[in-house]
Amino acid sequence: PGTMYKFSEAAVQSGFARVLSLAALLSISVGVFNLLPIYPLDGGQMVVALVEMVRGGKRLSLKVQEVVGTVGFAMVLLLFASVI
């Protein structure tokens, strides 16, 4: 967060084109992060759908979905904590 503030401040002082470039970079970063194969994120949802497709359309049990979701959520929290 502190580094993002520094980059944002520098971009604002450099002009509108720099701010727009920073906004685009942040947007792309969030999009790539969202595609990580961790269950709460969209990439994880795609992995679960792929597993179900490979299983012939059989859905994962609720218990398996709960465990995968809990582990994925813990991974996202760990990632956030390490960034901050």
Protein backbone atom coordinates (compact mmCIF):
# COMPACT_ATOMS: atom_id res chain seq x y z
CA PRO A 1 0.00 0.00 0.00
CA GLY A 2 2.80 2.44 0.80
CA THR A 3 4.54 1.72 -2.49
CA MET A 4 1.26 2.12 -4.37
CA TYR A 5 0.86 5.53 -2.74
CA LYS A 6 4.36 6.57 -3.82
CA PHE A 7 3.78 5.44 -7.41
CA SER A 8 0.39 7.14 -7.51
CA GLU A 9 1.81 10.39 -6.20
CA ALA A 10 4.65 10.29 -8.74
CA ALA A 11 2.18 9.55 -11.54
CA VAL A 12 -0.05 12.47 -10.58
CA GLN A 13 2.93 14.82 -10.63
CA SER A 14 4.02 13.46 -14.04
CA GLY A 15 0.73 14.11 -15.79
CA PHE A 16 -2.50 12.54 -16.94
CA ALA A 17 -0.91 10.05 -19.34
CA ARG A 18 1.17 8.60 -16.51
CA VAL A 19 -1.91 8.29 -14.27
CA LEU A 20 -3.77 6.53 -17.05
CA SER A 21 -0.82 4.18 -17.58
CA LEU A 22 -0.70 3.36 -13.86
CA ALA A 23 -4.46 2.72 -13.80
CA ALA A 24 -4.12 0.34 -16.75
CA LEU A 25 -1.25 -1.50 -15.06
CA LEU A 26 -3.23 -1.88 -11.83
CA SER A 27 -6.27 -3.12 -13.76
CA ILE A 28 -4.21 -5.73 -15.58
CA SER A 29 -2.59 -6.81 -12.32
CA VAL A 30 -5.97 -7.34 -10.66
CA GLY A 31 -7.17 -9.30 -13.71
CA VAL A 32 -4.16 -11.60 -13.64
CA PHE A 33 -4.49 -12.06 -9.86
CA ASN A 34 -8.14 -13.03 -10.33
CA LEU A 35 -7.10 -15.84 -12.69
CA LEU A 36 -4.90 -17.57 -10.10
CA PRO A 37 -6.09 -21.16 -9.61
CA ILE A 38 -7.26 -20.56 -6.03
CA TYR A 39 -10.88 -21.55 -5.45
CA PRO A 40 -12.50 -18.28 -4.33
CA LEU A 41 -11.02 -16.55 -7.40
CA ASP A 42 -12.27 -17.02 -10.96
CA GLY A 43 -9.26 -19.18 -11.89
CA GLY A 44 -10.16 -21.57 -9.08
CA GLN A 45 -13.76 -21.71 -10.27
CA MET A 46 -12.48 -22.66 -13.72
CA VAL A 47 -10.29 -25.43 -12.24
CA VAL A 48 -13.25 -26.87 -10.32
CA ALA A 49 -15.40 -26.75 -13.48
CA LEU A 50 -12.63 -28.50 -15.41
CA VAL A 51 -12.37 -31.23 -12.76
CA GLU A 52 -16.12 -31.74 -12.89
CA MET A 53 -15.99 -31.91 -16.68
CA VAL A 54 -13.20 -34.51 -16.57
CA ARG A 55 -15.30 -36.53 -14.11
CA GLY A 56 -18.02 -36.75 -16.74
CA GLY A 57 -20.20 -33.95 -15.42
CA LYS A 58 -20.37 -35.32 -11.87
CA ARG A 59 -20.31 -32.48 -9.35
CA LEU A 60 -17.88 -32.49 -6.45
CA SER A 61 -19.44 -33.35 -3.11
CA LEU A 62 -20.36 -30.50 -0.81
CA LYS A 63 -17.71 -31.63 1.67
CA VAL A 64 -14.96 -31.46 -0.99
CA GLN A 65 -16.20 -28.06 -2.15
CA GLU A 66 -16.17 -26.81 1.44
CA VAL A 67 -12.60 -28.03 2.05
CA VAL A 68 -11.33 -26.60 -1.24
CA GLY A 69 -13.06 -23.30 -0.53
CA THR A 70 -11.65 -23.07 3.00
CA VAL A 71 -8.10 -23.87 1.86
CA GLY A 72 -8.38 -21.39 -1.02
CA PHE A 73 -9.70 -18.65 1.23
CA ALA A 74 -6.84 -19.25 3.68
CA MET A 75 -4.37 -19.00 0.79
CA VAL A 76 -5.86 -15.67 -0.33
CA LEU A 77 -5.69 -14.32 3.24
CA LEU A 78 -2.07 -15.49 3.53
CA LEU A 79 -1.24 -13.78 0.26
CA PHE A 80 -2.87 -10.54 1.38
CA ALA A 81 -1.08 -10.68 4.74
CA SER A 82 2.28 -11.22 3.05
CA VAL A 83 1.71 -8.26 0.71
CA ILE A 84 0.78 -5.92 3.53
